[in-house]
Amino acid sequence: TYQQYALAHGVKEVETYTGEGDVAEVIVKTILPNVTADLLVVGSNDKKGLIGYFGSHAAYIAKNAPISVMVVR
């Protein structure tokens, strides 16, 4: 569904990936090493505290990703 939405709104190349396990770890340890991305955009939840400020998955990804990360609230 997201791939179709992106293509319908002008994104020219869309690749989708799936994995099992903790979302943040799968992205950082499995997906990112196998793609040639320059920027990863992740959403966050609005909670309290530093981890809550970014969301625990977004905080983990921002800290451990080998590429630039943009966290969107």
PDB file of N, CA and C in Angstrom:
ATOM      1  N   THR A   1       0.822  -1.191   0.000  1.00  0.00           N
ATOM      2  CA  THR A   1       0.000   0.000   0.000  1.00  0.00           C
ATOM      3  C   THR A   1       0.868   1.258   0.000  1.00  0.00           C
ATOM      4  N   TYR A   2       1.898   1.298   0.844  1.00  0.00           N
ATOM      5  CA  TYR A   2       2.767   2.477   0.898  1.00  0.00           C
ATOM      6  C   TYR A   2       3.540   2.647  -0.405  1.00  0.00           C
ATOM      7  N   GLN A   3       3.957   1.546  -0.984  1.00  0.00           N
ATOM      8  CA  GLN A   3       4.680   1.618  -2.251  1.00  0.00           C
ATOM      9  C   GLN A   3       3.790   2.214  -3.336  1.00  0.00           C
ATOM     10  N   GLN A   4       2.566   1.745  -3.415  1.00  0.00           N
ATOM     11  CA  GLN A   4       1.631   2.260  -4.415  1.00  0.00           C
ATOM     12  C   GLN A   4       1.337   3.742  -4.184  1.00  0.00           C
ATOM     13  N   TYR A   5       1.202   4.139  -2.938  1.00  0.00           N
ATOM     14  CA  TYR A   5       0.952   5.542  -2.597  1.00  0.00           C
ATOM     15  C   TYR A   5       2.118   6.422  -3.044  1.00  0.00           C
ATOM     16  N   ALA A   6       3.334   5.986  -2.753  1.00  0.00           N
ATOM     17  CA  ALA A   6       4.518   6.760  -3.126  1.00  0.00           C
ATOM     18  C   ALA A   6       4.622   6.898  -4.648  1.00  0.00           C
ATOM     19  N   LEU A   7       4.421   5.814  -5.362  1.00  0.00           N
ATOM     20  CA  LEU A   7       4.484   5.853  -6.825  1.00  0.00           C
ATOM     21  C   LEU A   7       3.404   6.762  -7.402  1.00  0.00           C
ATOM     22  N   ALA A   8       2.211   6.715  -6.825  1.00  0.00           N
ATOM     23  CA  ALA A   8       1.100   7.543  -7.302  1.00  0.00           C
ATOM     24  C   ALA A   8       1.350   9.028  -7.050  1.00  0.00           C
ATOM     25  N   HIS A   9       2.243   9.341  -6.102  1.00  0.00           N
ATOM     26  CA  HIS A   9       2.506  10.737  -5.768  1.00  0.00           C
ATOM     27  C   HIS A   9       3.874  11.227  -6.251  1.00  0.00           C
ATOM     28  N   GLY A  10       4.434  10.556  -7.251  1.00  0.00           N
ATOM     29  CA  GLY A  10       5.607  11.083  -7.933  1.00  0.00           C
ATOM     30  C   GLY A  10       6.951  10.489  -7.552  1.00  0.00           C
ATOM     31  N   VAL A  11       7.007   9.598  -6.571  1.00  0.00           N
ATOM     32  CA  VAL A  11       8.279   8.960  -6.247  1.00  0.00           C
ATOM     33  C   VAL A  11       8.584   7.991  -7.380  1.00  0.00           C
ATOM     34  N   LYS A  12       9.773   8.089  -7.955  1.00  0.00           N
ATOM     35  CA  LYS A  12      10.086   7.303  -9.149  1.00  0.00           C
ATOM     36  C   LYS A  12      10.571   5.886  -8.848  1.00  0.00           C
ATOM     37  N   GLU A  13      11.286   5.706  -7.749  1.00  0.00           N
ATOM     38  CA  GLU A  13      11.794   4.381  -7.384  1.00  0.00           C
ATOM     39  C   GLU A  13      11.379   4.062  -5.961  1.00  0.00           C
ATOM     40  N   VAL A  14      10.742   2.921  -5.763  1.00  0.00           N
ATOM     41  CA  VAL A  14      10.327   2.505  -4.430  1.00  0.00           C
ATOM     42  C   VAL A  14      10.683   1.037  -4.253  1.00  0.00           C
ATOM     43  N   GLU A  15      11.430   0.738  -3.207  1.00  0.00           N
ATOM     44  CA  GLU A  15      11.746  -0.644  -2.867  1.00  0.00           C
ATOM     45  C   GLU A  15      11.181  -0.905  -1.479  1.00  0.00           C
ATOM     46  N   THR A  16      10.596  -2.065  -1.297  1.00  0.00           N
ATOM     47  CA  THR A  16      10.068  -2.419   0.019  1.00  0.00           C
ATOM     48  C   THR A  16      10.850  -3.590   0.589  1.00  0.00           C
ATOM     49  N   TYR A  17      10.967  -3.599   1.908  1.00  0.00           N
ATOM     50  CA  TYR A  17      11.694  -4.655   2.613  1.00  0.00           C
ATOM     51  C   TYR A  17      10.865  -5.098   3.800  1.00  0.00           C
ATOM     52  N   THR A  18      10.975  -6.372   4.133  1.00  0.00           N
ATOM     53  CA  THR A  18      10.312  -6.890   5.330  1.00  0.00           C
ATOM     54  C   THR A  18      11.323  -7.657   6.170  1.00  0.00           C
ATOM     55  N   GLY A  19      11.023  -7.782   7.428  1.00  0.00           N
ATOM     56  CA  GLY A  19      11.886  -8.523   8.327  1.00  0.00           C
ATOM     57  C   GLY A  19      11.112  -8.930   9.559  1.00  0.00           C
ATOM     58  N   GLU A  20      11.701  -9.763  10.358  1.00  0.00           N
ATOM     59  CA  GLU A  20      11.074 -10.221  11.593  1.00  0.00           C
ATOM     60  C   GLU A  20      11.951  -9.863  12.770  1.00  0.00           C
ATOM     61  N   GLY A  21      11.328  -9.511  13.876  1.00  0.00           N
ATOM     62  CA  GLY A  21      12.058  -9.175  15.086  1.00  0.00           C
ATOM     63  C   GLY A  21      11.789  -7.742  15.500  1.00  0.00           C
ATOM     64  N   ASP A  22      12.663  -7.209  16.321  1.00  0.00           N
ATOM     65  CA  ASP A  22      12.541  -5.830  16.766  1.00  0.00           C
ATOM     66  C   ASP A  22      12.722  -4.897  15.574  1.00  0.00           C
ATOM     67  N   VAL A  23      11.765  -4.024  15.378  1.00  0.00           N
ATOM     68  CA  VAL A  23      11.748  -3.156  14.198  1.00  0.00           C
ATOM     69  C   VAL A  23      13.049  -2.366  14.050  1.00  0.00           C
ATOM     70  N   ALA A  24      13.467  -1.714  15.107  1.00  0.00           N
ATOM     71  CA  ALA A  24      14.661  -0.860  15.035  1.00  0.00           C
ATOM     72  C   ALA A  24      15.911  -1.681  14.724  1.00  0.00           C
ATOM     73  N   GLU A  25      16.066  -2.814  15.371  1.00  0.00           N
ATOM     74  CA  GLU A  25      17.246  -3.655  15.118  1.00  0.00           C
ATOM     75  C   GLU A  25      17.252  -4.205  13.702  1.00  0.00           C
ATOM     76  N   VAL A  26      16.105  -4.608  13.202  1.00  0.00           N
ATOM     77  CA  VAL A  26      16.025  -5.137  11.837  1.00  0.00           C
ATOM     78  C   VAL A  26      16.426  -4.056  10.833  1.00  0.00           C
ATOM     79  N   ILE A  27      15.944  -2.838  11.046  1.00  0.00           N
ATOM     80  CA  ILE A  27      16.294  -1.749  10.131  1.00  0.00           C
ATOM     81  C   ILE A  27      17.792  -1.480  10.165  1.00  0.00           C
ATOM     82  N   VAL A  28      18.358  -1.336  11.369  1.00  0.00           N
ATOM     83  CA  VAL A  28      19.767  -0.963  11.503  1.00  0.00           C
ATOM     84  C   VAL A  28      20.712  -2.097  11.117  1.00  0.00           C
ATOM     85  N   LYS A  29      20.421  -3.304  11.544  1.00  0.00           N
ATOM     86  CA  LYS A  29      21.361  -4.411  11.369  1.00  0.00           C
ATOM     87  C   LYS A  29      21.151  -5.241  10.105  1.00  0.00           C
ATOM     88  N   THR A  30      19.942  -5.230   9.551  1.00  0.00           N
ATOM     89  CA  THR A  30      19.665  -6.091   8.403  1.00  0.00           C
ATOM     90  C   THR A  30      19.396  -5.308   7.126  1.00  0.00           C
ATOM     91  N   ILE A  31      18.549  -4.305   7.207  1.00  0.00           N
ATOM     92  CA  ILE A  31      18.142  -3.599   5.989  1.00  0.00           C
ATOM     93  C   ILE A  31      19.179  -2.568   5.550  1.00  0.00           C
ATOM     94  N   LEU A  32      19.584  -1.673   6.444  1.00  0.00           N
ATOM     95  CA  LEU A  32      20.508  -0.601   6.042  1.00  0.00           C
ATOM     96  C   LEU A  32      21.830  -1.088   5.457  1.00  0.00           C
ATOM     97  N   PRO A  33      22.426  -2.170   5.971  1.00  0.00           N
ATOM     98  CA  PRO A  33      23.681  -2.631   5.354  1.00  0.00           C
ATOM     99  C   PRO A  33      23.510  -3.145   3.917  1.00  0.00           C
ATOM    100  N   ASN A  34      22.275  -3.413   3.518  1.00  0.00           N
ATOM    101  CA  ASN A  34      22.031  -3.990   2.195  1.00  0.00           C
ATOM    102  C   ASN A  34      21.429  -3.016   1.193  1.00  0.00           C
ATOM    103  N   VAL A  35      21.346  -1.738   1.548  1.00  0.00           N
ATOM    104  CA  VAL A  35      20.815  -0.741   0.623  1.00  0.00           C
ATOM    105  C   VAL A  35      21.809   0.409   0.489  1.00  0.00           C
ATOM    106  N   THR A  36      21.629   1.220  -0.538  1.00  0.00           N
ATOM    107  CA  THR A  36      22.510   2.372  -0.739  1.00  0.00           C
ATOM    108  C   THR A  36      21.741   3.656  -0.465  1.00  0.00           C
ATOM    109  N   ALA A  37      21.261   3.791   0.750  1.00  0.00           N
ATOM    110  CA  ALA A  37      20.491   4.971   1.140  1.00  0.00           C
ATOM    111  C   ALA A  37      21.422   6.020   1.742  1.00  0.00           C
ATOM    112  N   ASP A  38      21.055   7.286   1.586  1.00  0.00           N
ATOM    113  CA  ASP A  38      21.785   8.395   2.188  1.00  0.00           C
ATOM    114  C   ASP A  38      21.059   8.930   3.416  1.00  0.00           C
ATOM    115  N   LEU A  39      19.746   8.712   3.462  1.00  0.00           N
ATOM    116  CA  LEU A  39      18.922   9.273   4.527  1.00  0.00           C
ATOM    117  C   LEU A  39      17.805   8.308   4.861  1.00  0.00           C
ATOM    118  N   LEU A  40      17.554   8.129   6.151  1.00  0.00           N
ATOM    119  CA  LEU A  40      16.442   7.315   6.616  1.00  0.00           C
ATOM    120  C   LEU A  40      15.482   8.238   7.351  1.00  0.00           C
ATOM    121  N   VAL A  41      14.228   8.242   6.948  1.00  0.00           N
ATOM    122  CA  VAL A  41      13.212   9.063   7.589  1.00  0.00           C
ATOM    123  C   VAL A  41      12.321   8.139   8.400  1.00  0.00           C
ATOM    124  N   VAL A  42      12.217   8.417   9.713  1.00  0.00           N
ATOM    125  CA  VAL A  42      11.380   7.603  10.589  1.00  0.00           C
ATOM    126  C   VAL A  42      10.430   8.505  11.349  1.00  0.00           C
ATOM    127  N   GLY A  43       9.273   7.976  11.674  1.00  0.00           N
ATOM    128  CA  GLY A  43       8.298   8.699  12.479  1.00  0.00           C
ATOM    129  C   GLY A  43       8.536   8.426  13.948  1.00  0.00           C
ATOM    130  N   SER A  44       7.953   9.257  14.792  1.00  0.00           N
ATOM    131  CA  SER A  44       8.091   9.060  16.233  1.00  0.00           C
ATOM    132  C   SER A  44       6.749   9.237  16.917  1.00  0.00           C
ATOM    133  N   ASN A  45       6.682   8.718  18.123  1.00  0.00           N
ATOM    134  CA  ASN A  45       5.502   8.905  18.962  1.00  0.00           C
ATOM    135  C   ASN A  45       5.762  10.056  19.912  1.00  0.00           C
ATOM    136  N   ASP A  46       4.720  10.723  20.331  1.00  0.00           N
ATOM    137  CA  ASP A  46       4.859  11.835  21.263  1.00  0.00           C
ATOM    138  C   ASP A  46       4.588  11.332  22.672  1.00  0.00           C
ATOM    139  N   LYS A  47       5.649  11.106  23.441  1.00  0.00           N
ATOM    140  CA  LYS A  47       5.548  10.626  24.816  1.00  0.00           C
ATOM    141  C   LYS A  47       6.425  11.491  25.692  1.00  0.00           C
ATOM    142  N   LYS A  48       6.597  11.112  26.947  1.00  0.00           N
ATOM    143  CA  LYS A  48       7.422  11.891  27.867  1.00  0.00           C
ATOM    144  C   LYS A  48       8.821  11.312  27.977  1.00  0.00           C
ATOM    145  N   GLY A  49       9.789  12.161  28.326  1.00  0.00           N
ATOM    146  CA  GLY A  49      11.175  11.719  28.474  1.00  0.00           C
ATOM    147  C   GLY A  49      11.905  11.745  27.149  1.00  0.00           C
ATOM    148  N   LEU A  50      13.230  11.558  27.202  1.00  0.00           N
ATOM    149  CA  LEU A  50      14.042  11.613  25.986  1.00  0.00           C
ATOM    150  C   LEU A  50      13.663  10.515  25.012  1.00  0.00           C
ATOM    151  N   ILE A  51      13.587   9.268  25.492  1.00  0.00           N
ATOM    152  CA  ILE A  51      13.206   8.174  24.597  1.00  0.00           C
ATOM    153  C   ILE A  51      11.784   8.397  24.103  1.00  0.00           C
ATOM    154  N   GLY A  52      10.912   8.855  24.995  1.00  0.00           N
ATOM    155  CA  GLY A  52       9.546   9.142  24.589  1.00  0.00           C
ATOM    156  C   GLY A  52       9.468  10.280  23.607  1.00  0.00           C
ATOM    157  N   TYR A  53      10.382  11.254  23.734  1.00  0.00           N
ATOM    158  CA  TYR A  53      10.387  12.401  22.825  1.00  0.00           C
ATOM    159  C   TYR A  53      10.566  11.946  21.385  1.00  0.00           C
ATOM    160  N   PHE A  54      11.459  11.008  21.175  1.00  0.00           N
ATOM    161  CA  PHE A  54      11.677  10.476  19.827  1.00  0.00           C
ATOM    162  C   PHE A  54      10.953   9.162  19.585  1.00  0.00           C
ATOM    163  N   GLY A  55      10.522   8.482  20.617  1.00  0.00           N
ATOM    164  CA  GLY A  55      10.005   7.134  20.484  1.00  0.00           C
ATOM    165  C   GLY A  55      11.179   6.187  20.605  1.00  0.00           C
ATOM    166  N   SER A  56      10.997   5.061  21.256  1.00  0.00           N
ATOM    167  CA  SER A  56      12.133   4.179  21.520  1.00  0.00           C
ATOM    168  C   SER A  56      12.758   3.632  20.247  1.00  0.00           C
ATOM    169  N   HIS A  57      11.939   3.288  19.247  1.00  0.00           N
ATOM    170  CA  HIS A  57      12.494   2.776  17.991  1.00  0.00           C
ATOM    171  C   HIS A  57      13.248   3.871  17.252  1.00  0.00           C
ATOM    172  N   ALA A  58      12.663   5.042  17.176  1.00  0.00           N
ATOM    173  CA  ALA A  58      13.319   6.151  16.477  1.00  0.00           C
ATOM    174  C   ALA A  58      14.619   6.530  17.172  1.00  0.00           C
ATOM    175  N   ALA A  59      14.634   6.528  18.501  1.00  0.00           N
ATOM    176  CA  ALA A  59      15.846   6.869  19.252  1.00  0.00           C
ATOM    177  C   ALA A  59      16.943   5.846  18.987  1.00  0.00           C
ATOM    178  N   TYR A  60      16.598   4.564  18.983  1.00  0.00           N
ATOM    179  CA  TYR A  60      17.577   3.509  18.711  1.00  0.00           C
ATOM    180  C   TYR A  60      18.144   3.663  17.298  1.00  0.00           C
ATOM    181  N   ILE A  61      17.264   3.890  16.340  1.00  0.00           N
ATOM    182  CA  ILE A  61      17.704   4.019  14.954  1.00  0.00           C
ATOM    183  C   ILE A  61      18.603   5.241  14.786  1.00  0.00           C
ATOM    184  N   ALA A  62      18.197   6.382  15.350  1.00  0.00           N
ATOM    185  CA  ALA A  62      18.994   7.603  15.227  1.00  0.00           C
ATOM    186  C   ALA A  62      20.377   7.435  15.839  1.00  0.00           C
ATOM    187  N   LYS A  63      20.468   6.687  16.923  1.00  0.00           N
ATOM    188  CA  LYS A  63      21.747   6.493  17.610  1.00  0.00           C
ATOM    189  C   LYS A  63      22.644   5.483  16.894  1.00  0.00           C
ATOM    190  N   ASN A  64      22.063   4.461  16.282  1.00  0.00           N
ATOM    191  CA  ASN A  64      22.851   3.349  15.765  1.00  0.00           C
ATOM    192  C   ASN A  64      22.938   3.232  14.242  1.00  0.00           C
ATOM    193  N   ALA A  65      22.176   4.008  13.515  1.00  0.00           N
ATOM    194  CA  ALA A  65      22.182   3.890  12.039  1.00  0.00           C
ATOM    195  C   ALA A  65      23.495   4.403  11.454  1.00  0.00           C
ATOM    196  N   PRO A  66      24.006   3.746  10.425  1.00  0.00           N
ATOM    197  CA  PRO A  66      25.248   4.180   9.792  1.00  0.00           C
ATOM    198  C   PRO A  66      25.059   5.329   8.802  1.00  0.00           C
ATOM    199  N   ILE A  67      23.824   5.796   8.644  1.00  0.00           N
ATOM    200  CA  ILE A  67      23.529   6.915   7.739  1.00  0.00           C
ATOM    201  C   ILE A  67      22.765   7.981   8.507  1.00  0.00           C
ATOM    202  N   SER A  68      22.518   9.104   7.866  1.00  0.00           N
ATOM    203  CA  SER A  68      21.760  10.183   8.493  1.00  0.00           C
ATOM    204  C   SER A  68      20.317   9.751   8.707  1.00  0.00           C
ATOM    205  N   VAL A  69      19.737  10.207   9.826  1.00  0.00           N
ATOM    206  CA  VAL A  69      18.354   9.860  10.167  1.00  0.00           C
ATOM    207  C   VAL A  69      17.581  11.133  10.437  1.00  0.00           C
ATOM    208  N   MET A  70      16.393  11.248   9.834  1.00  0.00           N
ATOM    209  CA  MET A  70      15.498  12.360  10.113  1.00  0.00           C
ATOM    210  C   MET A  70      14.294  11.793  10.858  1.00  0.00           C
ATOM    211  N   VAL A  71      14.065  12.288  12.077  1.00  0.00           N
ATOM    212  CA  VAL A  71      12.936  11.843  12.875  1.00  0.00           C
ATOM    213  C   VAL A  71      11.813  12.859  12.717  1.00  0.00           C
ATOM    214  N   VAL A  72      10.669  12.386  12.278  1.00  0.00           N
ATOM    215  CA  VAL A  72       9.508  13.248  12.022  1.00  0.00           C
ATOM    216  C   VAL A  72       8.483  13.027  13.122  1.00  0.00           C
ATOM    217  N   ARG A  73       8.040  14.133  13.704  1.00  0.00           N
ATOM    218  CA  ARG A  73       7.016  14.055  14.756  1.00  0.00           C
ATOM    219  C   ARG A  73       5.676  14.456  14.212  1.00  0.00           C
TER     220      ARG A  73
END
